[in-house]
Amino acid sequence: MKLRAIAALAVTLALAFSSPAKAENVDADFVALATISYAVLQKCSSSYEFIDGGARRAADRMGADFETYAPATMNAIFVIMDMEYDRTKLIPSVTQRVRSHLEELLAEIKKATASSAKSTAP
């Protein structure tokens, strides 16, 4: 049940960030989508797997600048998670956005988990 709630939340957030109505800020939308995708993959690694080239195809479909924003997003995630990172790839506004998205996603996961725990309690 918890896994389904996380997956449903991720799909909802991904669709919200990739809607055509928001085409004026596709790079920011790509950062959000990449951040959410990475977080879901980490939380649900036994149920989901990384698809080679998937992020690039998503960026191409959205019209986002993959070469600039994919490395900036991943390195921002690495900084936030206290992992090895390439400082030359960081863009401060992307790091701030990634942090905000991760905080929002983790808060939603916490709410979904708490709600799921309440509904399964005897």
Protein backbone atom coordinates (compact mmCIF):
# COMPACT_ATOMS: atom_id res chain seq x y z
CA MET A 1 0.00 0.00 0.00
CA LYS A 2 2.79 2.42 0.94
CA LEU A 3 4.61 1.74 -2.33
CA ARG A 4 1.46 2.42 -4.35
CA ALA A 5 0.91 5.71 -2.50
CA ILE A 6 4.46 6.87 -3.23
CA ALA A 7 4.19 5.84 -6.88
CA ALA A 8 0.83 7.57 -7.29
CA LEU A 9 2.21 10.72 -5.68
CA ALA A 10 5.24 10.69 -7.95
CA VAL A 11 3.13 10.28 -11.08
CA THR A 12 0.83 13.10 -9.99
CA LEU A 13 3.74 15.44 -9.31
CA ALA A 14 5.47 14.47 -12.56
CA LEU A 15 2.35 15.17 -14.59
CA ALA A 16 1.86 18.50 -12.85
CA PHE A 17 5.40 19.57 -13.65
CA SER A 18 5.33 18.42 -17.26
CA SER A 19 2.01 19.91 -18.36
CA PRO A 20 2.11 21.79 -21.68
CA ALA A 21 0.44 24.83 -20.11
CA LYS A 22 3.68 25.60 -18.27
CA ALA A 23 5.89 25.61 -21.37
CA GLU A 24 7.44 28.97 -20.49
CA ASN A 25 9.64 27.44 -17.80
CA VAL A 26 10.64 24.04 -19.16
CA ASP A 27 14.09 23.99 -17.59
CA ALA A 28 12.62 24.45 -14.11
CA ASP A 29 10.04 21.78 -14.89
CA PHE A 30 12.80 19.41 -16.00
CA VAL A 31 14.69 20.02 -12.73
CA ALA A 32 11.52 19.16 -10.79
CA LEU A 33 10.85 16.04 -12.85
CA ALA A 34 14.45 14.82 -12.56
CA THR A 35 14.46 15.43 -8.80
CA ILE A 36 11.20 13.59 -8.27
CA SER A 37 12.30 10.72 -10.51
CA TYR A 38 15.55 10.31 -8.59
CA ALA A 39 13.77 10.38 -5.23
CA VAL A 40 11.21 7.77 -6.31
CA LEU A 41 13.96 5.56 -7.67
CA GLN A 42 15.80 5.76 -4.35
CA LYS A 43 12.69 5.09 -2.25
CA CYS A 44 11.33 2.31 -4.47
CA SER A 45 14.48 0.80 -5.97
CA SER A 46 13.14 -2.74 -5.70
CA SER A 47 10.10 -1.88 -7.83
CA TYR A 48 11.53 0.62 -10.32
CA GLU A 49 14.67 0.73 -12.38
CA PHE A 50 16.54 3.49 -14.17
CA ILE A 51 16.00 3.56 -17.94
CA ASP A 52 19.16 4.54 -19.83
CA GLY A 53 18.53 7.73 -21.76
CA GLY A 54 15.13 8.29 -20.14
CA ALA A 55 16.03 11.65 -18.63
CA ARG A 56 17.47 12.89 -21.92
CA ARG A 57 14.34 11.82 -23.80
CA ALA A 58 12.16 13.56 -21.21
CA ALA A 59 14.22 16.75 -21.59
CA ASP A 60 13.97 16.53 -25.37
CA ARG A 61 10.20 16.07 -25.19
CA MET A 62 9.89 19.06 -22.87
CA GLY A 63 12.35 21.23 -24.79
CA ALA A 64 14.64 21.54 -21.75
CA ASP A 65 18.40 22.17 -21.82
CA PHE A 66 19.59 18.71 -20.74
CA GLU A 67 23.33 19.44 -20.99
CA THR A 68 23.05 22.29 -18.48
CA TYR A 69 20.29 21.20 -16.12
CA ALA A 70 20.77 17.43 -15.80
CA PRO A 71 24.30 17.69 -14.35
CA ALA A 72 23.26 20.66 -12.19
CA THR A 73 20.29 18.71 -10.83
CA MET A 74 22.20 15.52 -10.09
CA ASN A 75 25.09 17.36 -8.45
CA ALA A 76 22.62 19.37 -6.36
CA ILE A 77 21.08 16.10 -5.18
CA PHE A 78 24.56 14.77 -4.38
CA VAL A 79 25.42 17.91 -2.34
CA ILE A 80 22.16 17.70 -0.42
CA MET A 81 22.70 13.99 0.27
CA ASP A 82 26.33 14.63 1.33
CA MET A 83 27.78 12.56 -1.51
CA GLU A 84 30.70 13.23 -3.88
CA TYR A 85 29.79 15.98 -6.36
CA ASP A 86 31.31 18.16 -9.07
CA ARG A 87 31.21 21.75 -7.86
CA THR A 88 31.73 23.09 -11.39
CA LYS A 89 28.34 21.65 -12.41
CA LEU A 90 26.34 23.37 -9.65
CA ILE A 91 23.96 26.23 -10.39
CA PRO A 92 22.85 27.88 -7.11
CA SER A 93 19.24 28.44 -8.24
CA VAL A 94 18.98 24.78 -9.32
CA THR A 95 20.36 23.61 -5.97
CA GLN A 96 17.78 25.73 -4.15
CA ARG A 97 15.00 24.39 -6.36
CA VAL A 98 16.13 20.77 -5.87
CA ARG A 99 16.24 21.23 -2.11
CA SER A 100 12.72 22.68 -2.15
CA HIS A 101 11.37 19.83 -4.30
CA LEU A 102 13.00 17.17 -2.12
CA GLU A 103 11.61 18.76 1.04
CA GLU A 104 8.13 18.93 -0.49
CA LEU A 105 8.29 15.34 -1.74
CA LEU A 106 9.55 14.00 1.59
CA ALA A 107 6.76 15.84 3.42
CA GLU A 108 4.19 14.30 1.05
CA ILE A 109 5.71 10.84 1.51
CA LYS A 110 5.57 11.29 5.27
CA LYS A 111 1.88 12.29 5.06
CA ALA A 112 1.08 9.37 2.75
CA THR A 113 2.90 6.94 5.03
CA ALA A 114 1.13 8.27 8.13
CA SER A 115 -2.23 8.09 6.35
CA SER A 116 -1.53 4.55 5.20
CA ALA A 117 -0.49 3.52 8.72
CA LYS A 118 -3.73 4.95 10.16
CA SER A 119 -5.89 3.13 7.63
CA THR A 120 -4.24 -0.23 8.37
CA ALA A 121 -4.29 0.14 12.16
CA PRO A 122 -6.65 -2.27 13.95
